[in-house]
N, C-alpha and C. Protein backbone atom coordinates (compact mmCIF):
# COMPACT_ATOMS: atom_id res chain seq x y z
N MET A 1 90.09 28.82 162.70
CA MET A 1 91.24 27.97 162.84
C MET A 1 90.86 26.59 162.33
N PRO A 2 91.68 25.99 161.46
CA PRO A 2 91.38 24.65 160.92
C PRO A 2 91.35 23.60 162.04
N THR A 3 90.58 22.54 161.79
CA THR A 3 90.40 21.48 162.78
C THR A 3 91.73 20.85 163.18
N GLY A 4 92.64 20.62 162.24
CA GLY A 4 93.94 20.02 162.54
C GLY A 4 94.74 20.90 163.49
N CYS A 5 94.67 22.22 163.32
CA CYS A 5 95.38 23.14 164.21
C CYS A 5 94.79 23.12 165.62
N ILE A 6 93.47 23.01 165.71
CA ILE A 6 92.82 22.94 167.02
C ILE A 6 93.26 21.68 167.75
N ALA A 7 93.29 20.55 167.04
CA ALA A 7 93.71 19.29 167.66
C ALA A 7 95.16 19.37 168.12
N LEU A 8 96.04 19.97 167.27
CA LEU A 8 97.45 20.10 167.64
C LEU A 8 97.60 21.01 168.86
N PHE A 9 96.85 22.13 168.88
CA PHE A 9 96.90 23.06 169.99
C PHE A 9 96.44 22.37 171.29
N ALA A 10 95.36 21.58 171.22
CA ALA A 10 94.85 20.86 172.39
C ALA A 10 95.88 19.84 172.87
N TRP A 11 96.53 19.15 171.93
CA TRP A 11 97.54 18.15 172.31
C TRP A 11 98.72 18.83 172.99
N LEU A 12 99.15 19.99 172.48
CA LEU A 12 100.26 20.71 173.11
C LEU A 12 99.91 21.18 174.51
N LEU A 13 98.64 21.54 174.73
CA LEU A 13 98.22 21.93 176.07
C LEU A 13 98.24 20.75 177.04
N LEU A 14 97.93 19.55 176.56
CA LEU A 14 97.90 18.36 177.40
C LEU A 14 99.29 17.76 177.64
N LEU A 15 100.25 18.06 176.77
CA LEU A 15 101.58 17.46 176.85
C LEU A 15 102.24 17.65 178.22
N PRO A 16 102.26 18.86 178.80
CA PRO A 16 102.90 18.99 180.12
C PRO A 16 102.28 18.10 181.19
N SER A 17 100.96 17.93 181.18
CA SER A 17 100.35 17.08 182.21
C SER A 17 100.66 15.61 181.96
N MET A 18 100.84 15.20 180.70
CA MET A 18 101.21 13.82 180.42
C MET A 18 102.64 13.55 180.87
N VAL A 19 103.54 14.51 180.67
CA VAL A 19 104.93 14.34 181.11
C VAL A 19 105.00 14.32 182.63
N ALA A 20 104.16 15.15 183.28
CA ALA A 20 104.19 15.24 184.74
C ALA A 20 103.69 13.96 185.42
N ALA A 21 103.00 13.09 184.69
CA ALA A 21 102.46 11.87 185.28
C ALA A 21 103.49 10.75 185.29
N GLN A 22 104.75 11.11 185.38
CA GLN A 22 105.83 10.14 185.36
C GLN A 22 105.82 9.25 186.60
N GLN A 23 106.10 7.99 186.40
CA GLN A 23 106.18 7.03 187.49
C GLN A 23 107.64 6.77 187.84
N ILE A 24 107.89 6.64 189.13
CA ILE A 24 109.23 6.34 189.63
C ILE A 24 109.16 4.99 190.34
N THR A 25 110.14 4.14 190.09
CA THR A 25 110.25 2.87 190.80
C THR A 25 111.60 2.81 191.49
N VAL A 26 111.58 2.40 192.75
CA VAL A 26 112.82 2.18 193.51
C VAL A 26 112.86 0.70 193.87
N ASN A 27 113.93 0.02 193.42
CA ASN A 27 114.14 -1.38 193.74
C ASN A 27 115.21 -1.47 194.82
N LEU A 28 114.84 -1.99 195.98
CA LEU A 28 115.76 -2.07 197.12
C LEU A 28 116.70 -3.26 196.99
N ASP A 29 117.91 -3.09 197.48
CA ASP A 29 118.92 -4.14 197.46
C ASP A 29 118.94 -4.82 198.84
N PRO A 30 118.49 -6.08 198.93
CA PRO A 30 118.48 -6.76 200.23
C PRO A 30 119.87 -6.83 200.89
N ALA A 31 120.92 -6.95 200.08
CA ALA A 31 122.28 -7.04 200.64
C ALA A 31 122.73 -5.74 201.28
N GLN A 32 122.12 -4.61 200.87
CA GLN A 32 122.50 -3.30 201.42
C GLN A 32 121.41 -2.72 202.32
N THR A 33 120.57 -3.58 202.85
CA THR A 33 119.50 -3.15 203.74
C THR A 33 119.76 -3.68 205.14
N LYS A 34 119.68 -2.79 206.12
CA LYS A 34 119.85 -3.17 207.52
C LYS A 34 118.55 -2.90 208.26
N ILE A 35 118.02 -3.95 208.89
CA ILE A 35 116.81 -3.83 209.70
C ILE A 35 117.20 -4.23 211.11
N GLN A 36 117.17 -3.26 212.01
CA GLN A 36 117.56 -3.50 213.39
C GLN A 36 116.39 -3.21 214.31
N TRP A 37 116.25 -4.02 215.37
CA TRP A 37 115.18 -3.80 216.34
C TRP A 37 115.75 -3.75 217.74
N THR A 38 115.01 -3.04 218.60
CA THR A 38 115.41 -2.85 219.99
C THR A 38 114.20 -3.06 220.89
N LEU A 39 114.38 -3.87 221.93
CA LEU A 39 113.31 -4.13 222.90
C LEU A 39 113.87 -3.90 224.29
N GLY A 40 113.29 -2.94 225.01
CA GLY A 40 113.71 -2.66 226.38
C GLY A 40 113.23 -3.74 227.33
N ALA A 41 114.07 -4.07 228.30
CA ALA A 41 113.72 -5.06 229.31
C ALA A 41 114.23 -4.61 230.68
N THR A 42 113.79 -5.26 231.75
CA THR A 42 114.16 -4.83 233.10
C THR A 42 115.66 -4.92 233.35
N LEU A 43 116.33 -5.94 232.88
CA LEU A 43 117.76 -6.11 233.17
C LEU A 43 118.66 -5.51 232.10
N HIS A 44 118.21 -5.51 230.86
CA HIS A 44 119.02 -4.96 229.78
C HIS A 44 118.14 -4.73 228.54
N THR A 45 118.70 -4.07 227.56
CA THR A 45 118.00 -3.84 226.31
C THR A 45 118.44 -4.90 225.31
N VAL A 46 117.48 -5.49 224.61
CA VAL A 46 117.76 -6.53 223.63
C VAL A 46 117.81 -5.90 222.25
N HIS A 47 118.86 -6.22 221.49
CA HIS A 47 119.02 -5.74 220.12
C HIS A 47 118.99 -6.93 219.18
N GLY A 48 118.43 -6.72 217.98
CA GLY A 48 118.39 -7.80 217.01
C GLY A 48 118.25 -7.28 215.60
N THR A 49 118.15 -8.21 214.66
CA THR A 49 118.07 -7.87 213.24
C THR A 49 117.03 -8.74 212.53
N PHE A 50 116.62 -8.28 211.37
CA PHE A 50 115.84 -9.04 210.39
C PHE A 50 116.51 -8.83 209.04
N ARG A 51 116.17 -9.70 208.07
CA ARG A 51 116.68 -9.54 206.71
C ARG A 51 115.55 -9.18 205.76
N LEU A 52 115.88 -8.30 204.81
CA LEU A 52 114.94 -7.95 203.75
C LEU A 52 114.96 -9.06 202.71
N ARG A 53 113.77 -9.55 202.34
CA ARG A 53 113.67 -10.55 201.28
C ARG A 53 113.66 -9.86 199.92
N SER A 54 112.82 -8.83 199.78
CA SER A 54 112.74 -8.08 198.52
C SER A 54 112.00 -6.77 198.79
N GLY A 55 112.17 -5.82 197.87
CA GLY A 55 111.46 -4.56 198.03
C GLY A 55 111.44 -3.75 196.75
N SER A 56 110.26 -3.30 196.38
CA SER A 56 110.09 -2.45 195.22
C SER A 56 108.91 -1.52 195.48
N VAL A 57 109.13 -0.23 195.25
CA VAL A 57 108.08 0.78 195.45
C VAL A 57 107.96 1.60 194.18
N THR A 58 106.74 1.76 193.68
CA THR A 58 106.47 2.60 192.51
C THR A 58 105.51 3.70 192.95
N PHE A 59 105.83 4.93 192.54
CA PHE A 59 104.91 6.02 192.87
C PHE A 59 104.87 7.04 191.75
N ASP A 60 103.72 7.71 191.67
CA ASP A 60 103.46 8.74 190.67
C ASP A 60 103.94 10.07 191.22
N LEU A 61 104.81 10.75 190.49
CA LEU A 61 105.38 12.01 190.97
C LEU A 61 104.33 13.11 191.16
N GLN A 62 103.27 13.05 190.37
CA GLN A 62 102.27 14.10 190.45
C GLN A 62 101.22 13.83 191.54
N SER A 63 100.64 12.64 191.53
CA SER A 63 99.54 12.34 192.46
C SER A 63 100.03 11.78 193.80
N GLY A 64 101.21 11.18 193.81
CA GLY A 64 101.72 10.54 195.01
C GLY A 64 101.21 9.13 195.22
N ALA A 65 100.32 8.65 194.34
CA ALA A 65 99.81 7.28 194.46
C ALA A 65 100.98 6.30 194.39
N ALA A 66 100.96 5.31 195.28
CA ALA A 66 102.08 4.38 195.37
C ALA A 66 101.59 2.94 195.39
N SER A 67 102.50 2.04 195.01
CA SER A 67 102.22 0.61 195.06
C SER A 67 103.54 -0.12 195.26
N GLY A 68 103.45 -1.42 195.40
CA GLY A 68 104.64 -2.25 195.58
C GLY A 68 104.60 -2.97 196.90
N GLU A 69 105.70 -3.65 197.22
CA GLU A 69 105.81 -4.38 198.47
C GLU A 69 107.24 -4.38 198.95
N ILE A 70 107.39 -4.23 200.25
CA ILE A 70 108.68 -4.41 200.92
C ILE A 70 108.48 -5.61 201.84
N ILE A 71 109.19 -6.70 201.54
CA ILE A 71 108.98 -7.97 202.24
C ILE A 71 110.17 -8.30 203.12
N VAL A 72 109.89 -8.44 204.41
CA VAL A 72 110.90 -8.80 205.40
C VAL A 72 110.70 -10.27 205.78
N ASP A 73 111.78 -11.01 205.87
CA ASP A 73 111.74 -12.41 206.26
C ASP A 73 111.60 -12.49 207.78
N ALA A 74 110.39 -12.78 208.27
CA ALA A 74 110.15 -12.84 209.72
C ALA A 74 110.96 -13.96 210.36
N THR A 75 111.24 -15.03 209.61
CA THR A 75 111.99 -16.16 210.17
C THR A 75 113.46 -15.82 210.37
N SER A 76 113.93 -14.70 209.82
CA SER A 76 115.34 -14.32 209.93
C SER A 76 115.64 -13.54 211.21
N GLY A 77 114.63 -13.22 212.00
CA GLY A 77 114.83 -12.43 213.21
C GLY A 77 115.77 -13.11 214.18
N GLU A 78 116.74 -12.35 214.66
CA GLU A 78 117.68 -12.92 215.63
C GLU A 78 118.21 -11.83 216.55
N SER A 79 118.56 -12.29 217.77
CA SER A 79 119.08 -11.37 218.77
C SER A 79 120.45 -11.80 219.29
N GLY A 80 120.93 -12.93 218.82
CA GLY A 80 122.21 -13.43 219.29
C GLY A 80 122.10 -14.41 220.45
N ASN A 81 120.87 -14.71 220.88
CA ASN A 81 120.64 -15.65 221.98
C ASN A 81 119.65 -16.70 221.47
N ASP A 82 120.13 -17.94 221.27
CA ASP A 82 119.30 -18.98 220.65
C ASP A 82 118.00 -19.25 221.39
N SER A 83 118.04 -19.38 222.72
CA SER A 83 116.81 -19.70 223.45
C SER A 83 115.81 -18.53 223.38
N ARG A 84 116.31 -17.30 223.46
CA ARG A 84 115.43 -16.13 223.36
C ARG A 84 114.83 -16.06 221.95
N ASP A 85 115.66 -16.34 220.92
CA ASP A 85 115.17 -16.29 219.55
C ASP A 85 114.13 -17.37 219.27
N LYS A 86 114.33 -18.57 219.82
CA LYS A 86 113.33 -19.64 219.64
C LYS A 86 111.99 -19.22 220.25
N LYS A 87 112.05 -18.62 221.43
CA LYS A 87 110.82 -18.14 222.08
C LYS A 87 110.16 -17.04 221.25
N MET A 88 110.97 -16.11 220.72
CA MET A 88 110.45 -15.02 219.89
C MET A 88 109.72 -15.59 218.67
N HIS A 89 110.34 -16.56 218.00
CA HIS A 89 109.73 -17.12 216.78
C HIS A 89 108.51 -17.99 217.08
N LYS A 90 108.58 -18.78 218.15
CA LYS A 90 107.49 -19.70 218.46
C LYS A 90 106.31 -19.00 219.11
N GLU A 91 106.57 -18.12 220.09
CA GLU A 91 105.48 -17.57 220.89
C GLU A 91 105.05 -16.15 220.53
N VAL A 92 105.97 -15.32 220.04
CA VAL A 92 105.63 -13.92 219.79
C VAL A 92 105.31 -13.70 218.31
N LEU A 93 106.29 -13.89 217.44
CA LEU A 93 106.08 -13.68 216.00
C LEU A 93 105.29 -14.81 215.35
N GLU A 94 105.38 -16.01 215.91
CA GLU A 94 104.81 -17.20 215.28
C GLU A 94 105.24 -17.24 213.82
N SER A 95 106.55 -17.14 213.61
CA SER A 95 107.09 -16.97 212.26
C SER A 95 106.91 -18.18 211.35
N GLN A 96 106.68 -19.36 211.90
CA GLN A 96 106.38 -20.50 211.02
C GLN A 96 105.00 -20.32 210.39
N ARG A 97 104.09 -19.73 211.13
CA ARG A 97 102.73 -19.47 210.64
C ARG A 97 102.66 -18.18 209.81
N TYR A 98 103.47 -17.17 210.20
CA TYR A 98 103.48 -15.86 209.53
C TYR A 98 104.92 -15.54 209.12
N PRO A 99 105.42 -16.15 208.05
CA PRO A 99 106.85 -16.02 207.71
C PRO A 99 107.27 -14.69 207.08
N GLU A 100 106.31 -13.85 206.73
CA GLU A 100 106.65 -12.58 206.09
C GLU A 100 106.01 -11.40 206.82
N ILE A 101 106.75 -10.31 206.84
CA ILE A 101 106.25 -9.01 207.29
C ILE A 101 106.29 -8.13 206.05
N ILE A 102 105.13 -7.59 205.66
CA ILE A 102 105.04 -6.88 204.37
C ILE A 102 104.54 -5.47 204.59
N PHE A 103 105.29 -4.51 204.05
CA PHE A 103 104.81 -3.12 204.02
C PHE A 103 104.38 -2.82 202.59
N SER A 104 103.12 -2.41 202.42
CA SER A 104 102.56 -2.06 201.11
C SER A 104 102.31 -0.56 201.07
N PRO A 105 103.16 0.20 200.36
CA PRO A 105 102.96 1.65 200.29
C PRO A 105 101.72 2.00 199.47
N GLN A 106 101.03 3.06 199.88
CA GLN A 106 99.83 3.49 199.17
C GLN A 106 99.92 4.94 198.70
N HIS A 107 100.70 5.76 199.42
CA HIS A 107 100.79 7.18 199.05
C HIS A 107 102.12 7.76 199.52
N VAL A 108 102.76 8.53 198.64
CA VAL A 108 104.02 9.21 198.97
C VAL A 108 103.76 10.70 198.98
N MET A 109 104.16 11.37 200.08
CA MET A 109 104.02 12.82 200.19
C MET A 109 105.42 13.43 200.21
N GLY A 110 105.57 14.52 199.49
CA GLY A 110 106.86 15.18 199.38
C GLY A 110 107.40 15.01 197.97
N LYS A 111 108.42 15.76 197.65
CA LYS A 111 109.01 15.73 196.31
C LYS A 111 110.39 15.11 196.38
N LEU A 112 110.63 14.13 195.51
CA LEU A 112 111.93 13.49 195.42
C LEU A 112 112.84 14.37 194.59
N ALA A 113 113.94 14.85 195.17
CA ALA A 113 114.89 15.71 194.46
C ALA A 113 115.63 14.90 193.39
N ASP A 114 115.93 15.55 192.26
CA ASP A 114 116.70 14.88 191.20
C ASP A 114 118.08 14.47 191.70
N GLN A 115 118.65 15.27 192.58
CA GLN A 115 119.93 14.97 193.23
C GLN A 115 119.85 15.53 194.64
N GLY A 116 120.51 14.89 195.58
CA GLY A 116 120.57 15.41 196.94
C GLY A 116 119.51 14.83 197.85
N THR A 117 119.22 15.58 198.91
CA THR A 117 118.37 15.08 199.99
C THR A 117 116.93 15.53 199.85
N SER A 118 116.01 14.63 200.16
CA SER A 118 114.58 14.91 200.19
C SER A 118 114.03 14.33 201.48
N ASN A 119 112.92 14.87 201.93
CA ASN A 119 112.21 14.30 203.08
C ASN A 119 110.83 13.88 202.61
N LEU A 120 110.58 12.57 202.64
CA LEU A 120 109.32 12.02 202.17
C LEU A 120 108.56 11.39 203.32
N GLN A 121 107.25 11.33 203.16
CA GLN A 121 106.37 10.60 204.06
C GLN A 121 105.71 9.51 203.20
N VAL A 122 105.74 8.29 203.68
CA VAL A 122 105.12 7.19 202.93
C VAL A 122 104.03 6.58 203.80
N GLN A 123 102.79 6.66 203.31
CA GLN A 123 101.66 6.05 204.00
C GLN A 123 101.42 4.68 203.38
N GLY A 124 101.13 3.71 204.23
CA GLY A 124 100.86 2.39 203.73
C GLY A 124 100.30 1.48 204.79
N VAL A 125 100.36 0.18 204.51
CA VAL A 125 99.82 -0.84 205.41
C VAL A 125 100.93 -1.82 205.73
N LEU A 126 101.12 -2.07 207.03
CA LEU A 126 102.08 -3.07 207.49
C LEU A 126 101.30 -4.32 207.84
N HIS A 127 101.63 -5.42 207.13
CA HIS A 127 100.99 -6.71 207.39
C HIS A 127 101.96 -7.54 208.23
N ILE A 128 101.58 -7.78 209.48
CA ILE A 128 102.43 -8.51 210.41
C ILE A 128 101.57 -9.40 211.29
N HIS A 129 102.01 -10.62 211.52
CA HIS A 129 101.32 -11.55 212.41
C HIS A 129 99.87 -11.73 211.98
N GLY A 130 99.62 -11.77 210.66
CA GLY A 130 98.29 -12.04 210.13
C GLY A 130 97.31 -10.89 210.13
N ALA A 131 97.76 -9.66 210.45
CA ALA A 131 96.84 -8.52 210.50
C ALA A 131 97.46 -7.31 209.81
N ASN A 132 96.59 -6.41 209.35
CA ASN A 132 97.03 -5.18 208.68
C ASN A 132 96.93 -4.00 209.64
N HIS A 133 97.95 -3.12 209.55
CA HIS A 133 97.99 -1.92 210.40
C HIS A 133 98.45 -0.74 209.56
N ASP A 134 97.70 0.37 209.62
CA ASP A 134 98.10 1.59 208.92
C ASP A 134 99.39 2.11 209.52
N LEU A 135 100.29 2.58 208.66
CA LEU A 135 101.59 3.06 209.12
C LEU A 135 102.06 4.17 208.19
N THR A 136 102.57 5.25 208.77
CA THR A 136 103.19 6.32 207.99
C THR A 136 104.65 6.41 208.39
N LEU A 137 105.53 6.32 207.40
CA LEU A 137 106.97 6.36 207.63
C LEU A 137 107.55 7.69 207.18
N SER A 138 108.40 8.28 207.99
CA SER A 138 109.16 9.47 207.60
C SER A 138 110.50 8.99 207.06
N LEU A 139 110.83 9.42 205.84
CA LEU A 139 112.04 8.93 205.18
C LEU A 139 112.92 10.07 204.69
N PRO A 140 114.07 10.29 205.32
CA PRO A 140 115.07 11.13 204.67
C PRO A 140 115.67 10.29 203.54
N VAL A 141 115.70 10.85 202.34
CA VAL A 141 116.15 10.11 201.15
C VAL A 141 117.28 10.89 200.48
N GLU A 142 118.33 10.19 200.12
CA GLU A 142 119.47 10.78 199.39
C GLU A 142 119.50 10.17 198.00
N ASN A 143 119.40 11.01 196.96
CA ASN A 143 119.45 10.56 195.58
C ASN A 143 120.79 10.99 195.00
N SER A 144 121.60 10.02 194.61
CA SER A 144 122.91 10.30 194.04
C SER A 144 123.10 9.48 192.77
N GLY A 145 122.83 10.12 191.63
CA GLY A 145 123.02 9.44 190.34
C GLY A 145 122.15 8.22 190.17
N GLY A 146 120.94 8.23 190.69
CA GLY A 146 120.03 7.09 190.56
C GLY A 146 120.16 6.06 191.67
N THR A 147 121.13 6.26 192.56
CA THR A 147 121.23 5.40 193.74
C THR A 147 120.49 6.10 194.87
N ILE A 148 119.54 5.41 195.47
CA ILE A 148 118.71 5.97 196.52
C ILE A 148 119.12 5.36 197.86
N ARG A 149 119.38 6.22 198.83
CA ARG A 149 119.65 5.78 200.21
C ARG A 149 118.54 6.36 201.07
N ALA A 150 117.89 5.49 201.82
CA ALA A 150 116.77 5.94 202.66
C ALA A 150 116.87 5.27 204.03
N SER A 151 116.33 5.96 205.02
CA SER A 151 116.30 5.39 206.37
C SER A 151 115.03 5.83 207.07
N THR A 152 114.63 5.05 208.06
CA THR A 152 113.45 5.38 208.83
C THR A 152 113.52 4.71 210.19
N ASN A 153 112.80 5.25 211.14
CA ASN A 153 112.66 4.69 212.48
C ASN A 153 111.19 4.74 212.84
N PHE A 154 110.70 3.68 213.46
CA PHE A 154 109.32 3.67 213.92
C PHE A 154 109.16 2.64 215.03
N VAL A 155 108.02 2.69 215.69
CA VAL A 155 107.74 1.82 216.83
C VAL A 155 106.57 0.90 216.47
N VAL A 156 106.72 -0.37 216.82
CA VAL A 156 105.65 -1.36 216.62
C VAL A 156 105.08 -1.73 218.00
N PRO A 157 103.81 -1.41 218.25
CA PRO A 157 103.18 -1.79 219.51
C PRO A 157 102.73 -3.25 219.43
N TYR A 158 103.68 -4.17 219.47
CA TYR A 158 103.41 -5.57 219.15
C TYR A 158 102.35 -6.20 220.05
N GLN A 159 102.31 -5.84 221.32
CA GLN A 159 101.29 -6.41 222.21
C GLN A 159 99.90 -5.90 221.84
N GLN A 160 99.81 -4.61 221.55
CA GLN A 160 98.54 -4.01 221.13
C GLN A 160 98.08 -4.64 219.82
N TRP A 161 99.03 -5.07 218.99
CA TRP A 161 98.70 -5.67 217.69
C TRP A 161 98.49 -7.18 217.78
N GLY A 162 98.34 -7.72 218.98
CA GLY A 162 97.93 -9.11 219.13
C GLY A 162 99.04 -10.13 219.31
N MET A 163 100.27 -9.68 219.48
CA MET A 163 101.35 -10.62 219.73
C MET A 163 101.57 -10.80 221.22
N LYS A 164 102.05 -11.96 221.58
CA LYS A 164 102.19 -12.33 222.99
C LYS A 164 103.31 -11.54 223.68
N ASP A 165 103.06 -11.21 224.94
CA ASP A 165 104.06 -10.57 225.79
C ASP A 165 105.03 -11.65 226.26
N PRO A 166 106.32 -11.55 225.93
CA PRO A 166 107.28 -12.58 226.33
C PRO A 166 107.81 -12.41 227.76
N SER A 167 107.25 -11.50 228.53
CA SER A 167 107.70 -11.27 229.89
C SER A 167 107.53 -12.53 230.74
N THR A 168 108.41 -12.67 231.72
CA THR A 168 108.32 -13.74 232.70
C THR A 168 108.18 -13.11 234.09
N PHE A 169 108.12 -13.94 235.10
CA PHE A 169 108.00 -13.44 236.47
C PHE A 169 109.15 -12.49 236.81
N LEU A 170 110.37 -12.83 236.39
CA LEU A 170 111.55 -12.03 236.71
C LEU A 170 111.92 -11.00 235.65
N LEU A 171 111.61 -11.31 234.41
CA LEU A 171 112.01 -10.43 233.31
C LEU A 171 110.80 -9.77 232.68
N LYS A 172 110.75 -8.45 232.74
CA LYS A 172 109.65 -7.69 232.14
C LYS A 172 110.19 -6.94 230.93
N VAL A 173 109.43 -6.99 229.83
CA VAL A 173 109.85 -6.28 228.62
C VAL A 173 108.84 -5.20 228.28
N GLU A 174 109.29 -4.22 227.47
CA GLU A 174 108.40 -3.14 227.04
C GLU A 174 107.33 -3.68 226.11
N LYS A 175 106.27 -2.92 225.97
CA LYS A 175 105.15 -3.33 225.14
C LYS A 175 105.31 -2.92 223.68
N THR A 176 106.43 -2.26 223.35
CA THR A 176 106.70 -1.84 221.97
C THR A 176 108.13 -2.23 221.58
N VAL A 177 108.33 -2.39 220.29
CA VAL A 177 109.65 -2.66 219.72
C VAL A 177 110.00 -1.50 218.81
N SER A 178 111.21 -0.96 218.95
CA SER A 178 111.68 0.11 218.06
C SER A 178 112.41 -0.50 216.89
N LEU A 179 112.11 -0.02 215.70
CA LEU A 179 112.80 -0.50 214.49
C LEU A 179 113.54 0.64 213.83
N SER A 180 114.70 0.31 213.29
CA SER A 180 115.53 1.25 212.55
C SER A 180 115.93 0.55 211.25
N ILE A 181 115.60 1.19 210.13
CA ILE A 181 115.86 0.58 208.82
C ILE A 181 116.64 1.55 207.96
N SER A 182 117.68 1.04 207.32
CA SER A 182 118.41 1.82 206.30
C SER A 182 118.57 0.91 205.09
N SER A 183 118.39 1.50 203.91
CA SER A 183 118.43 0.71 202.69
C SER A 183 118.99 1.49 201.53
N VAL A 184 119.49 0.76 200.55
CA VAL A 184 119.99 1.32 199.30
C VAL A 184 119.20 0.69 198.17
N GLY A 185 118.82 1.50 197.20
CA GLY A 185 118.08 0.99 196.05
C GLY A 185 118.48 1.72 194.79
N ARG A 186 117.97 1.21 193.66
CA ARG A 186 118.22 1.83 192.36
C ARG A 186 116.91 2.44 191.86
N LEU A 187 117.04 3.62 191.28
CA LEU A 187 115.91 4.37 190.76
C LEU A 187 115.69 4.05 189.29
N ALA A 188 114.43 3.85 188.92
CA ALA A 188 114.05 3.66 187.52
C ALA A 188 112.82 4.52 187.28
N SER A 189 112.73 5.13 186.11
CA SER A 189 111.54 5.93 185.82
C SER A 189 110.92 5.44 184.53
N SER A 190 109.61 5.62 184.45
CA SER A 190 108.88 5.22 183.23
C SER A 190 107.73 6.20 183.03
N GLN A 191 107.26 6.29 181.82
CA GLN A 191 106.16 7.21 181.51
C GLN A 191 104.88 6.45 181.35
C-alpha cells in the first residue's frame, strides 16, 4: 500500500475520535436565573434570594472535563427583612469582604441529549466565604432548540464551613441552608 494511502487510512481512523472531542458551552442568563434559599428557625422558616452575576460552563462531551464559572452576587442576598439582612451580610456572609460565591465545574457525568431531558451530575468546587468546598450537583436538564433549562437543589452546611451561627437566645436557626436554583442558558458548541 502506498505511503499516501496509509496516511489517509490512518487519518480516517482518527476522524471519529476527533469529532467526538466536541466541546459544549452553556452561557447562563442572569435575568432568567432564580436562586432561592431557605433557613429553618424556631418560630418560622426564612426564605430569601440571591442574584446570578454571570455563568458559563464548558465541557467535553467525551471526557466530561469541565471548566468555567458560575458567579453569584453575595451582596444581593435578601430575605425581605432589612435588619435580618444586615445581620446576614455583616455577621454571617461577610459579603463586603467576600462579595462573590463562585461555583467552578470540573467534571460533568451523564450525556446531554440533543433534544429533551437529560440527567447530569456536575462535580466542582464552591468558593464561599473565602474557602473552597467540593460539591456535586444533580441537574435535570431540558434542551429545546439550543435553549437549556436546568435546576438543582442542595444544602450548604454554612456553620460547618466557618460562617457564624446567627441564633440568639430566643431564636434558634438550623445549621444548614437549603438552596434551589433554576436557570436558562444558551448552548454553543465548538470543535
